[in-house]
PDB file of N, CA and C in Angstrom:
ATOM      1  N   UNK A   1       8.118   5.153 -15.945  1.00  0.00           N
ATOM      2  CA  UNK A   1       8.825   4.095 -16.329  1.00  0.00           C
ATOM      3  C   UNK A   1       9.341   3.209 -15.381  1.00  0.00           C
ATOM      4  N   UNK A   2       8.979   3.006 -14.370  1.00  0.00           N
ATOM      5  CA  UNK A   2       9.303   2.253 -13.350  1.00  0.00           C
ATOM      6  C   UNK A   2       9.488   0.746 -13.987  1.00  0.00           C
ATOM      7  N   UNK A   3      10.745   0.183 -13.895  1.00  0.00           N
ATOM      8  CA  UNK A   3      11.045  -1.149 -14.223  1.00  0.00           C
ATOM      9  C   UNK A   3      11.356  -1.964 -12.927  1.00  0.00           C
ATOM     10  N   UNK A   4      10.608  -3.211 -12.774  1.00  0.00           N
ATOM     11  CA  UNK A   4      10.922  -3.943 -11.472  1.00  0.00           C
ATOM     12  C   UNK A   4      11.594  -5.259 -12.128  1.00  0.00           C
ATOM     13  N   UNK A   5      12.638  -5.794 -11.845  1.00  0.00           N
ATOM     14  CA  UNK A   5      12.815  -7.107 -12.276  1.00  0.00           C
ATOM     15  C   UNK A   5      13.244  -7.908 -10.704  1.00  0.00           C
ATOM     16  N   UNK A   6      12.616  -9.238 -11.040  1.00  0.00           N
ATOM     17  CA  UNK A   6      12.899 -10.170  -9.966  1.00  0.00           C
ATOM     18  C   UNK A   6      13.404 -11.439 -10.474  1.00  0.00           C
ATOM     19  N   UNK A   7      14.781 -11.829  -9.872  1.00  0.00           N
ATOM     20  CA  UNK A   7      15.367 -13.053 -10.548  1.00  0.00           C
ATOM     21  C   UNK A   7      15.294 -13.837  -9.351  1.00  0.00           C
ATOM     22  N   UNK A   8      14.838 -14.912  -9.288  1.00  0.00           N
ATOM     23  CA  UNK A   8      14.629 -15.914  -8.332  1.00  0.00           C
ATOM     24  C   UNK A   8      14.779 -17.444  -8.509  1.00  0.00           C
ATOM     25  N   UNK A   9      15.306 -18.167  -7.282  1.00  0.00           N
ATOM     26  CA  UNK A   9      15.446 -19.651  -7.879  1.00  0.00           C
ATOM     27  C   UNK A   9      14.349 -20.491  -7.794  1.00  0.00           C
ATOM     28  N   UNK A  10      13.179 -19.722  -7.051  1.00  0.00           N
ATOM     29  CA  UNK A  10      12.018 -20.444  -7.177  1.00  0.00           C
ATOM     30  C   UNK A  10      11.378 -20.755  -8.650  1.00  0.00           C
ATOM     31  N   UNK A  11      10.857 -21.900  -9.046  1.00  0.00           N
ATOM     32  CA  UNK A  11      10.231 -22.471  -9.939  1.00  0.00           C
ATOM     33  C   UNK A  11       8.890 -21.606 -10.145  1.00  0.00           C
ATOM     34  N   UNK A  12       8.774 -21.315 -11.735  1.00  0.00           N
ATOM     35  CA  UNK A  12       7.629 -20.973 -12.245  1.00  0.00           C
ATOM     36  C   UNK A  12       6.448 -21.123 -11.517  1.00  0.00           C
ATOM     37  N   UNK A  13       6.252 -22.461 -11.128  1.00  0.00           N
ATOM     38  CA  UNK A  13       4.971 -22.919 -10.620  1.00  0.00           C
ATOM     39  C   UNK A  13       4.758 -22.365  -9.216  1.00  0.00           C
ATOM     40  N   UNK A  14       5.866 -21.948  -8.483  1.00  0.00           N
ATOM     41  CA  UNK A  14       5.683 -21.361  -6.963  1.00  0.00           C
ATOM     42  C   UNK A  14       5.481 -19.816  -7.392  1.00  0.00           C
ATOM     43  N   UNK A  15       5.115 -19.231  -8.554  1.00  0.00           N
ATOM     44  CA  UNK A  15       4.821 -17.810  -8.578  1.00  0.00           C
ATOM     45  C   UNK A  15       3.335 -17.804  -8.894  1.00  0.00           C
ATOM     46  N   UNK A  16       2.897 -17.022  -7.971  1.00  0.00           N
ATOM     47  CA  UNK A  16       1.403 -16.863  -8.097  1.00  0.00           C
ATOM     48  C   UNK A  16       1.041 -16.040  -9.202  1.00  0.00           C
ATOM     49  N   UNK A  17      -0.080 -16.616  -9.894  1.00  0.00           N
ATOM     50  CA  UNK A  17      -0.818 -15.753 -11.268  1.00  0.00           C
ATOM     51  C   UNK A  17      -0.738 -14.249 -11.065  1.00  0.00           C
ATOM     52  N   UNK A  18      -1.262 -13.865  -9.817  1.00  0.00           N
ATOM     53  CA  UNK A  18      -1.340 -12.510  -9.704  1.00  0.00           C
ATOM     54  C   UNK A  18      -0.245 -11.769  -9.163  1.00  0.00           C
ATOM     55  N   UNK A  19       0.997 -12.472  -9.110  1.00  0.00           N
ATOM     56  CA  UNK A  19       1.998 -11.763  -8.539  1.00  0.00           C
ATOM     57  C   UNK A  19       2.401 -10.377  -9.440  1.00  0.00           C
ATOM     58  N   UNK A  20       2.260 -10.550 -10.868  1.00  0.00           N
ATOM     59  CA  UNK A  20       2.978  -9.618 -11.475  1.00  0.00           C
ATOM     60  C   UNK A  20       1.934  -8.465 -11.475  1.00  0.00           C
ATOM     61  N   UNK A  21       0.609  -8.734 -11.650  1.00  0.00           N
ATOM     62  CA  UNK A  21      -0.259  -7.676 -11.415  1.00  0.00           C
ATOM     63  C   UNK A  21      -0.255  -6.949 -10.232  1.00  0.00           C
ATOM     64  N   UNK A  22      -0.041  -7.991  -8.982  1.00  0.00           N
ATOM     65  CA  UNK A  22       0.186  -7.171  -7.702  1.00  0.00           C
ATOM     66  C   UNK A  22       1.374  -6.469  -7.861  1.00  0.00           C
ATOM     67  N   UNK A  23       2.543  -6.526  -8.386  1.00  0.00           N
ATOM     68  CA  UNK A  23       3.634  -6.092  -8.091  1.00  0.00           C
ATOM     69  C   UNK A  23       3.407  -4.803  -8.912  1.00  0.00           C
ATOM     70  N   UNK A  24       2.845  -4.941  -9.947  1.00  0.00           N
ATOM     71  CA  UNK A  24       2.794  -3.445 -10.916  1.00  0.00           C
ATOM     72  C   UNK A  24       1.931  -2.376 -10.092  1.00  0.00           C
ATOM     73  N   UNK A  25       1.015  -2.990  -9.316  1.00  0.00           N
ATOM     74  CA  UNK A  25       0.120  -2.024  -8.516  1.00  0.00           C
ATOM     75  C   UNK A  25       0.859  -1.492  -7.327  1.00  0.00           C
ATOM     76  N   UNK A  26       1.536  -2.389  -6.877  1.00  0.00           N
ATOM     77  CA  UNK A  26       2.258  -1.741  -5.640  1.00  0.00           C
ATOM     78  C   UNK A  26       3.331  -0.891  -6.078  1.00  0.00           C
ATOM     79  N   UNK A  27       4.187  -1.063  -7.134  1.00  0.00           N
ATOM     80  CA  UNK A  27       5.314   0.041  -7.589  1.00  0.00           C
ATOM     81  C   UNK A  27       4.611   1.353  -8.022  1.00  0.00           C
ATOM     82  N   UNK A  28       3.718   1.260  -8.788  1.00  0.00           N
ATOM     83  CA  UNK A  28       3.018   2.261  -9.176  1.00  0.00           C
ATOM     84  C   UNK A  28       2.318   3.224  -8.021  1.00  0.00           C
ATOM     85  N   UNK A  29       1.649   2.567  -6.805  1.00  0.00           N
ATOM     86  CA  UNK A  29       1.383   3.093  -5.852  1.00  0.00           C
ATOM     87  C   UNK A  29       2.519   3.770  -4.852  1.00  0.00           C
ATOM     88  N   UNK A  30       3.263   3.166  -4.675  1.00  0.00           N
ATOM     89  CA  UNK A  30       4.694   3.462  -3.987  1.00  0.00           C
ATOM     90  C   UNK A  30       5.326   4.441  -4.477  1.00  0.00           C
ATOM     91  N   UNK A  31       5.591   4.727  -5.932  1.00  0.00           N
ATOM     92  CA  UNK A  31       6.273   5.652  -6.576  1.00  0.00           C
ATOM     93  C   UNK A  31       5.534   6.744  -7.064  1.00  0.00           C
ATOM     94  N   UNK A  32       4.221   6.891  -6.751  1.00  0.00           N
ATOM     95  CA  UNK A  32       3.287   7.753  -7.102  1.00  0.00           C
ATOM     96  C   UNK A  32       2.955   8.032  -8.823  1.00  0.00           C
ATOM     97  N   UNK A  33       3.436   6.667  -9.529  1.00  0.00           N
ATOM     98  CA  UNK A  33       3.335   6.967 -10.824  1.00  0.00           C
ATOM     99  C   UNK A  33       2.339   6.216 -11.396  1.00  0.00           C
ATOM    100  N   UNK A  34       1.855   6.548 -12.696  1.00  0.00           N
ATOM    101  CA  UNK A  34       0.734   5.819 -13.415  1.00  0.00           C
ATOM    102  C   UNK A  34       1.169   4.378 -13.873  1.00  0.00           C
ATOM    103  N   UNK A  35      -0.002   3.466 -13.287  1.00  0.00           N
ATOM    104  CA  UNK A  35       0.428   1.989 -13.524  1.00  0.00           C
ATOM    105  C   UNK A  35       0.651   1.616 -14.876  1.00  0.00           C
ATOM    106  N   UNK A  36       0.311   2.249 -16.128  1.00  0.00           N
ATOM    107  CA  UNK A  36       0.345   2.327 -17.446  1.00  0.00           C
ATOM    108  C   UNK A  36       1.727   2.082 -17.899  1.00  0.00           C
ATOM    109  N   UNK A  37       2.788   2.997 -17.033  1.00  0.00           N
ATOM    110  CA  UNK A  37       4.294   3.017 -17.150  1.00  0.00           C
ATOM    111  C   UNK A  37       5.093   2.053 -16.593  1.00  0.00           C
ATOM    112  N   UNK A  38       4.363   1.103 -15.637  1.00  0.00           N
ATOM    113  CA  UNK A  38       5.329   0.307 -14.925  1.00  0.00           C
ATOM    114  C   UNK A  38       5.253  -0.742 -15.711  1.00  0.00           C
ATOM    115  N   UNK A  39       6.547  -1.535 -15.648  1.00  0.00           N
ATOM    116  CA  UNK A  39       6.863  -2.951 -16.296  1.00  0.00           C
ATOM    117  C   UNK A  39       7.691  -3.802 -15.243  1.00  0.00           C
ATOM    118  N   UNK A  40       7.050  -4.657 -15.228  1.00  0.00           N
ATOM    119  CA  UNK A  40       7.226  -6.151 -14.365  1.00  0.00           C
ATOM    120  C   UNK A  40       7.948  -7.203 -14.926  1.00  0.00           C
ATOM    121  N   UNK A  41       9.212  -7.754 -14.482  1.00  0.00           N
ATOM    122  CA  UNK A  41       9.498  -8.809 -15.132  1.00  0.00           C
ATOM    123  C   UNK A  41       9.839  -9.836 -13.923  1.00  0.00           C
ATOM    124  N   UNK A  42       9.605 -11.036 -13.973  1.00  0.00           N
ATOM    125  CA  UNK A  42       9.990 -12.108 -13.090  1.00  0.00           C
ATOM    126  C   UNK A  42      10.656 -13.097 -13.787  1.00  0.00           C
ATOM    127  N   UNK A  43      11.936 -13.470 -13.552  1.00  0.00           N
ATOM    128  CA  UNK A  43      12.760 -14.686 -14.252  1.00  0.00           C
ATOM    129  C   UNK A  43      12.799 -15.550 -13.284  1.00  0.00           C
ATOM    130  N   UNK A  44      11.905 -16.627 -13.080  1.00  0.00           N
ATOM    131  CA  UNK A  44      12.142 -17.800 -12.368  1.00  0.00           C
ATOM    132  C   UNK A  44      13.056 -18.962 -12.635  1.00  0.00           C
ATOM    133  N   UNK A  45      13.223 -19.786 -11.608  1.00  0.00           N
ATOM    134  CA  UNK A  45      14.051 -20.918 -11.969  1.00  0.00           C
ATOM    135  C   UNK A  45      15.478 -20.478 -12.520  1.00  0.00           C
ATOM    136  N   UNK A  46      16.091 -19.526 -11.708  1.00  0.00           N
ATOM    137  CA  UNK A  46      17.598 -18.921 -11.975  1.00  0.00           C
ATOM    138  C   UNK A  46      18.455 -19.882 -11.321  1.00  0.00           C
ATOM    139  N   UNK A  47      19.642 -20.283 -11.747  1.00  0.00           N
ATOM    140  CA  UNK A  47      20.720 -20.814 -10.879  1.00  0.00           C
ATOM    141  C   UNK A  47      21.234 -19.848  -9.998  1.00  0.00           C
ATOM    142  N   UNK A  48      20.732 -19.686  -8.802  1.00  0.00           N
ATOM    143  CA  UNK A  48      21.240 -18.871  -7.626  1.00  0.00           C
ATOM    144  C   UNK A  48      21.461 -19.513  -6.174  1.00  0.00           C
ATOM    145  N   UNK A  49      22.347 -18.796  -5.788  1.00  0.00           N
ATOM    146  CA  UNK A  49      22.617 -19.190  -4.230  1.00  0.00           C
ATOM    147  C   UNK A  49      22.723 -17.829  -3.580  1.00  0.00           C
ATOM    148  N   UNK A  50      22.328 -17.742  -2.282  1.00  0.00           N
ATOM    149  CA  UNK A  50      22.522 -16.537  -1.469  1.00  0.00           C
ATOM    150  C   UNK A  50      23.148 -16.995  -0.097  1.00  0.00           C
ATOM    151  N   UNK A  51      24.070 -16.473   0.446  1.00  0.00           N
ATOM    152  CA  UNK A  51      24.462 -16.960   1.729  1.00  0.00           C
ATOM    153  C   UNK A  51      25.148 -18.143   1.722  1.00  0.00           C
ATOM    154  N   UNK A  52      25.334 -18.593   0.538  1.00  0.00           N
ATOM    155  CA  UNK A  52      26.093 -20.099   0.569  1.00  0.00           C
ATOM    156  C   UNK A  52      25.037 -21.207   0.162  1.00  0.00           C
ATOM    157  N   UNK A  53      23.892 -21.014   0.062  1.00  0.00           N
ATOM    158  CA  UNK A  53      22.754 -21.885   0.173  1.00  0.00           C
ATOM    159  C   UNK A  53      21.755 -21.743  -0.890  1.00  0.00           C
ATOM    160  N   UNK A  54      21.182 -22.725  -1.438  1.00  0.00           N
ATOM    161  CA  UNK A  54      20.333 -22.695  -2.638  1.00  0.00           C
ATOM    162  C   UNK A  54      18.602 -22.604  -1.989  1.00  0.00           C
ATOM    163  N   UNK A  55      18.584 -22.308  -0.686  1.00  0.00           N
ATOM    164  CA  UNK A  55      17.214 -22.144  -0.212  1.00  0.00           C
ATOM    165  C   UNK A  55      16.632 -20.935  -1.100  1.00  0.00           C
ATOM    166  N   UNK A  56      15.131 -20.828  -1.136  1.00  0.00           N
ATOM    167  CA  UNK A  56      14.515 -19.802  -1.763  1.00  0.00           C
ATOM    168  C   UNK A  56      15.258 -18.475  -1.437  1.00  0.00           C
ATOM    169  N   UNK A  57      15.690 -17.654  -2.962  1.00  0.00           N
ATOM    170  CA  UNK A  57      16.348 -16.693  -2.792  1.00  0.00           C
ATOM    171  C   UNK A  57      15.806 -15.521  -4.042  1.00  0.00           C
ATOM    172  N   UNK A  58      16.370 -14.603  -3.945  1.00  0.00           N
ATOM    173  CA  UNK A  58      16.050 -13.670  -5.334  1.00  0.00           C
ATOM    174  C   UNK A  58      17.020 -12.409  -5.169  1.00  0.00           C
ATOM    175  N   UNK A  59      17.118 -11.622  -6.263  1.00  0.00           N
ATOM    176  CA  UNK A  59      17.659 -10.263  -6.407  1.00  0.00           C
ATOM    177  C   UNK A  59      16.564  -9.498  -7.117  1.00  0.00           C
ATOM    178  N   UNK A  60      16.223  -8.400  -6.446  1.00  0.00           N
ATOM    179  CA  UNK A  60      15.215  -7.157  -6.985  1.00  0.00           C
ATOM    180  C   UNK A  60      15.652  -6.107  -7.514  1.00  0.00           C
ATOM    181  N   UNK A  61      15.602  -5.751  -8.525  1.00  0.00           N
ATOM    182  CA  UNK A  61      16.171  -4.366  -9.191  1.00  0.00           C
ATOM    183  C   UNK A  61      14.853  -3.690  -9.678  1.00  0.00           C
ATOM    184  N   UNK A  62      14.960  -2.275  -9.080  1.00  0.00           N
ATOM    185  CA  UNK A  62      13.816  -1.405  -9.203  1.00  0.00           C
ATOM    186  C   UNK A  62      14.513  -0.131  -9.981  1.00  0.00           C
ATOM    187  N   UNK A  63      14.246   0.166 -11.085  1.00  0.00           N
ATOM    188  CA  UNK A  63      14.734   1.570 -11.634  1.00  0.00           C
ATOM    189  C   UNK A  63      13.571   2.730 -11.889  1.00  0.00           C
ATOM    190  N   UNK A  64      13.754   3.565 -11.991  1.00  0.00           N
ATOM    191  CA  UNK A  64      12.694   4.626 -11.950  1.00  0.00           C
ATOM    192  C   UNK A  64      13.408   5.855 -12.586  1.00  0.00           C
ATOM    193  N   UNK A  65      12.214   6.719 -13.005  1.00  0.00           N
ATOM    194  CA  UNK A  65      13.040   8.181 -13.406  1.00  0.00           C
ATOM    195  C   UNK A  65      12.585   8.944 -12.265  1.00  0.00           C
ATOM    196  N   UNK A  66      13.168   9.298 -11.455  1.00  0.00           N
ATOM    197  CA  UNK A  66      12.898  10.021 -10.125  1.00  0.00           C
ATOM    198  C   UNK A  66      12.077   9.372  -9.323  1.00  0.00           C
ATOM    199  N   UNK A  67      11.475  10.011  -8.257  1.00  0.00           N
ATOM    200  CA  UNK A  67      10.655   9.336  -7.407  1.00  0.00           C
ATOM    201  C   UNK A  67      11.329   8.469  -6.566  1.00  0.00           C
ATOM    202  N   UNK A  68      12.502   8.278  -6.382  1.00  0.00           N
ATOM    203  CA  UNK A  68      13.292   7.285  -5.399  1.00  0.00           C
ATOM    204  C   UNK A  68      14.433   8.433  -4.642  1.00  0.00           C
ATOM    205  N   UNK A  69      15.119   7.569  -3.711  1.00  0.00           N
ATOM    206  CA  UNK A  69      16.136   8.182  -2.921  1.00  0.00           C
ATOM    207  C   UNK A  69      15.593   8.578  -1.599  1.00  0.00           C
ATOM    208  N   UNK A  70      16.792   8.859  -0.963  1.00  0.00           N
ATOM    209  CA  UNK A  70      16.447   8.824   0.621  1.00  0.00           C
ATOM    210  C   UNK A  70      15.511   8.380   1.513  1.00  0.00           C
ATOM    211  N   UNK A  71      14.465   8.995   2.140  1.00  0.00           N
ATOM    212  CA  UNK A  71      13.636   8.376   2.921  1.00  0.00           C
ATOM    213  C   UNK A  71      12.792   7.414   2.066  1.00  0.00           C
ATOM    214  N   UNK A  72      12.470   7.857   0.762  1.00  0.00           N
ATOM    215  CA  UNK A  72      11.378   7.283   0.134  1.00  0.00           C
ATOM    216  C   UNK A  72      11.882   5.628  -0.170  1.00  0.00           C
ATOM    217  N   UNK A  73      13.381   5.551  -0.228  1.00  0.00           N
ATOM    218  CA  UNK A  73      13.835   4.227  -0.565  1.00  0.00           C
ATOM    219  C   UNK A  73      13.601   3.130   0.673  1.00  0.00           C
ATOM    220  N   UNK A  74      13.773   3.852   1.868  1.00  0.00           N
ATOM    221  CA  UNK A  74      13.609   3.078   3.136  1.00  0.00           C
ATOM    222  C   UNK A  74      12.136   2.457   3.029  1.00  0.00           C
ATOM    223  N   UNK A  75      10.968   3.252   2.465  1.00  0.00           N
ATOM    224  CA  UNK A  75       9.643   3.010   2.401  1.00  0.00           C
ATOM    225  C   UNK A  75       9.371   2.025   1.389  1.00  0.00           C
ATOM    226  N   UNK A  76      10.249   2.134   0.167  1.00  0.00           N
ATOM    227  CA  UNK A  76       9.943   1.368  -0.942  1.00  0.00           C
ATOM    228  C   UNK A  76      10.531  -0.051  -0.628  1.00  0.00           C
ATOM    229  N   UNK A  77      11.722  -0.137   0.148  1.00  0.00           N
ATOM    230  CA  UNK A  77      12.338  -1.173   0.547  1.00  0.00           C
ATOM    231  C   UNK A  77      11.591  -2.133   1.487  1.00  0.00           C
ATOM    232  N   UNK A  78      10.921  -1.498   2.426  1.00  0.00           N
ATOM    233  CA  UNK A  78      10.057  -2.153   3.449  1.00  0.00           C
ATOM    234  C   UNK A  78       8.764  -2.671   2.539  1.00  0.00           C
ATOM    235  N   UNK A  79       7.887  -1.963   1.823  1.00  0.00           N
ATOM    236  CA  UNK A  79       6.969  -2.548   0.984  1.00  0.00           C
ATOM    237  C   UNK A  79       7.145  -3.744   0.147  1.00  0.00           C
ATOM    238  N   UNK A  80       8.208  -3.443  -0.859  1.00  0.00           N
ATOM    239  CA  UNK A  80       8.856  -4.775  -1.679  1.00  0.00           C
ATOM    240  C   UNK A  80       9.137  -5.770  -1.047  1.00  0.00           C
ATOM    241  N   UNK A  81      10.014  -5.468   0.228  1.00  0.00           N
ATOM    242  CA  UNK A  81      10.341  -6.798   0.845  1.00  0.00           C
ATOM    243  C   UNK A  81       8.998  -7.711   1.452  1.00  0.00           C
ATOM    244  N   UNK A  82       8.250  -6.842   1.907  1.00  0.00           N
ATOM    245  CA  UNK A  82       6.906  -7.221   2.628  1.00  0.00           C
ATOM    246  C   UNK A  82       6.338  -8.008   1.649  1.00  0.00           C
ATOM    247  N   UNK A  83       5.959  -7.525   0.546  1.00  0.00           N
ATOM    248  CA  UNK A  83       5.283  -8.289  -0.802  1.00  0.00           C
ATOM    249  C   UNK A  83       5.763  -9.470  -1.201  1.00  0.00           C
ATOM    250  N   UNK A  84       7.310  -9.393  -1.157  1.00  0.00           N
ATOM    251  CA  UNK A  84       7.952 -10.491  -1.712  1.00  0.00           C
ATOM    252  C   UNK A  84       7.753 -11.817  -0.982  1.00  0.00           C
ATOM    253  N   UNK A  85       8.020 -11.430   0.439  1.00  0.00           N
ATOM    254  CA  UNK A  85       8.055 -12.364   1.490  1.00  0.00           C
ATOM    255  C   UNK A  85       6.685 -13.161   1.728  1.00  0.00           C
ATOM    256  N   UNK A  86       5.600 -12.078   1.547  1.00  0.00           N
ATOM    257  CA  UNK A  86       4.106 -12.735   1.995  1.00  0.00           C
ATOM    258  C   UNK A  86       3.969 -13.189   0.438  1.00  0.00           C
ATOM    259  N   UNK A  87       4.087 -12.889  -0.601  1.00  0.00           N
ATOM    260  CA  UNK A  87       3.373 -13.379  -1.826  1.00  0.00           C
ATOM    261  C   UNK A  87       4.351 -14.960  -2.406  1.00  0.00           C
ATOM    262  N   UNK A  88       5.410 -14.836  -2.053  1.00  0.00           N
ATOM    263  CA  UNK A  88       6.257 -15.807  -2.485  1.00  0.00           C
ATOM    264  C   UNK A  88       6.850 -16.693  -1.541  1.00  0.00           C
ATOM    265  N   UNK A  89       7.165 -16.249  -0.467  1.00  0.00           N
ATOM    266  CA  UNK A  89       7.640 -16.914   0.793  1.00  0.00           C
ATOM    267  C   UNK A  89       9.024 -16.994   0.927  1.00  0.00           C
ATOM    268  N   UNK A  90       9.796 -16.004   0.225  1.00  0.00           N
ATOM    269  CA  UNK A  90      11.235 -15.665   0.224  1.00  0.00           C
ATOM    270  C   UNK A  90      11.129 -14.893   1.570  1.00  0.00           C
ATOM    271  N   UNK A  91      12.145 -15.334   2.531  1.00  0.00           N
ATOM    272  CA  UNK A  91      12.468 -14.547   3.760  1.00  0.00           C
ATOM    273  C   UNK A  91      13.213 -13.499   3.015  1.00  0.00           C
ATOM    274  N   UNK A  92      12.814 -12.156   3.973  1.00  0.00           N
ATOM    275  CA  UNK A  92      13.450 -10.854   3.656  1.00  0.00           C
ATOM    276  C   UNK A  92      15.079 -10.895   3.654  1.00  0.00           C
ATOM    277  N   UNK A  93      15.444 -11.729   4.382  1.00  0.00           N
ATOM    278  CA  UNK A  93      16.884 -11.890   4.448  1.00  0.00           C
ATOM    279  C   UNK A  93      17.623 -12.736   3.745  1.00  0.00           C
ATOM    280  N   UNK A  94      16.642 -13.021   2.365  1.00  0.00           N
ATOM    281  CA  UNK A  94      17.251 -13.883   1.257  1.00  0.00           C
ATOM    282  C   UNK A  94      17.238 -13.413  -0.051  1.00  0.00           C
ATOM    283  N   UNK A  95      16.839 -11.852   0.064  1.00  0.00           N
ATOM    284  CA  UNK A  95      17.344 -11.090  -1.342  1.00  0.00           C
ATOM    285  C   UNK A  95      17.668  -9.647  -1.139  1.00  0.00           C
ATOM    286  N   UNK A  96      18.420  -9.264  -2.110  1.00  0.00           N
ATOM    287  CA  UNK A  96      18.573  -7.837  -1.905  1.00  0.00           C
ATOM    288  C   UNK A  96      17.608  -6.777  -2.913  1.00  0.00           C
ATOM    289  N   UNK A  97      17.571  -5.859  -2.649  1.00  0.00           N
ATOM    290  CA  UNK A  97      16.815  -4.808  -3.376  1.00  0.00           C
ATOM    291  C   UNK A  97      17.581  -3.711  -3.757  1.00  0.00           C
ATOM    292  N   UNK A  98      17.671  -3.520  -5.006  1.00  0.00           N
ATOM    293  CA  UNK A  98      18.780  -2.503  -5.638  1.00  0.00           C
ATOM    294  C   UNK A  98      17.726  -1.512  -6.589  1.00  0.00           C
ATOM    295  N   UNK A  99      17.811  -0.144  -6.037  1.00  0.00           N
ATOM    296  CA  UNK A  99      17.097   0.988  -6.765  1.00  0.00           C
ATOM    297  C   UNK A  99      17.969   1.783  -7.351  1.00  0.00           C
ATOM    298  N   UNK A 100      17.381   2.146  -8.573  1.00  0.00           N
ATOM    299  CA  UNK A 100      18.314   2.989  -9.396  1.00  0.00           C
ATOM    300  C   UNK A 100      17.521   4.261 -10.137  1.00  0.00           C
ATOM    301  N   UNK A 101      18.094   5.457  -9.792  1.00  0.00           N
ATOM    302  CA  UNK A 101      17.359   6.398 -10.371  1.00  0.00           C
ATOM    303  C   UNK A 101      17.975   6.531 -11.776  1.00  0.00           C
ATOM    304  N   UNK A 102      17.477   6.625 -12.671  1.00  0.00           N
ATOM    305  CA  UNK A 102      17.604   6.594 -14.017  1.00  0.00           C
ATOM    306  C   UNK A 102      17.674   8.036 -14.800  1.00  0.00           C
ATOM    307  N   UNK A 103      18.637   8.501 -15.281  1.00  0.00           N
ATOM    308  CA  UNK A 103      18.729  10.127 -15.668  1.00  0.00           C
ATOM    309  C   UNK A 103      17.864   9.819 -17.182  1.00  0.00           C
ATOM    310  N   UNK A 104      17.185  10.774 -17.211  1.00  0.00           N
ATOM    311  CA  UNK A 104      15.976  10.729 -18.204  1.00  0.00           C
ATOM    312  C   UNK A 104      16.573  10.658 -19.609  1.00  0.00           C
ATOM    313  N   UNK A 105      17.930  11.412 -19.994  1.00  0.00           N
ATOM    314  CA  UNK A 105      18.633  11.244 -21.140  1.00  0.00           C
ATOM    315  C   UNK A 105      19.009   9.893 -21.376  1.00  0.00           C
ATOM    316  N   UNK A 106      18.905   8.914 -20.509  1.00  0.00           N
ATOM    317  CA  UNK A 106      19.414   7.408 -20.583  1.00  0.00           C
ATOM    318  C   UNK A 106      18.277   6.142 -20.917  1.00  0.00           C
ATOM    319  N   UNK A 107      17.206   6.963 -20.983  1.00  0.00           N
ATOM    320  CA  UNK A 107      15.816   6.179 -21.235  1.00  0.00           C
ATOM    321  C   UNK A 107      15.099   6.607 -22.734  1.00  0.00           C
ATOM    322  N   UNK A 108      15.040   5.600 -23.354  1.00  0.00           N
ATOM    323  CA  UNK A 108      13.972   5.743 -24.724  1.00  0.00           C
ATOM    324  C   UNK A 108      12.787   5.334 -24.537  1.00  0.00           C
ATOM    325  N   UNK A 109      11.792   5.892 -25.077  1.00  0.00           N
ATOM    326  CA  UNK A 109      10.480   5.100 -25.220  1.00  0.00           C
ATOM    327  C   UNK A 109       9.689   5.849 -26.454  1.00  0.00           C
ATOM    328  N   UNK A 110       9.020   4.910 -27.179  1.00  0.00           N
ATOM    329  CA  UNK A 110       8.196   5.407 -28.537  1.00  0.00           C
ATOM    330  C   UNK A 110       9.317   6.553 -29.042  1.00  0.00           C
ATOM    331  N   UNK A 111      10.521   6.144 -29.544  1.00  0.00           N
ATOM    332  CA  UNK A 111      11.423   6.659 -30.590  1.00  0.00           C
ATOM    333  C   UNK A 111      12.041   7.966 -29.830  1.00  0.00           C
ATOM    334  N   UNK A 112      12.098   8.113 -28.882  1.00  0.00           N
ATOM    335  CA  UNK A 112      12.510   9.280 -28.006  1.00  0.00           C
ATOM    336  C   UNK A 112      13.070   9.389 -26.695  1.00  0.00           C
ATOM    337  N   UNK A 113      14.098  10.155 -26.164  1.00  0.00           N
ATOM    338  CA  UNK A 113      14.089  10.050 -24.774  1.00  0.00           C
ATOM    339  C   UNK A 113      13.350  10.699 -23.866  1.00  0.00           C
ATOM    340  N   UNK A 114      13.245  10.470 -22.614  1.00  0.00           N
ATOM    341  CA  UNK A 114      12.376  11.256 -21.705  1.00  0.00           C
ATOM    342  C   UNK A 114      13.000  12.456 -21.263  1.00  0.00           C
TER     343      UNK A 114
END
């Protein structure tokens, strides 16, 4: 159920067409989850500042049913940070990455909870 959300002030035209698919693949691989359960959303063109400037920036949220926490989060943050910097040109010191472990009873799919 991993859900990856990137809010960024980059305009849509600066987001490569492959970014969604590449991010989906990365999240599945890093979490060890089937890609068919991964959801990726990018919200470009947001009115955002980071550190007092409107230079390219963003906010990442990654939610997952388990497979996160401790040392795994360090690896996830490094991989996601590198991916965003390389694919979008946003320096890693211009976005936060928030990782949340969602309790199974708090997520629904196909008419029932996990």
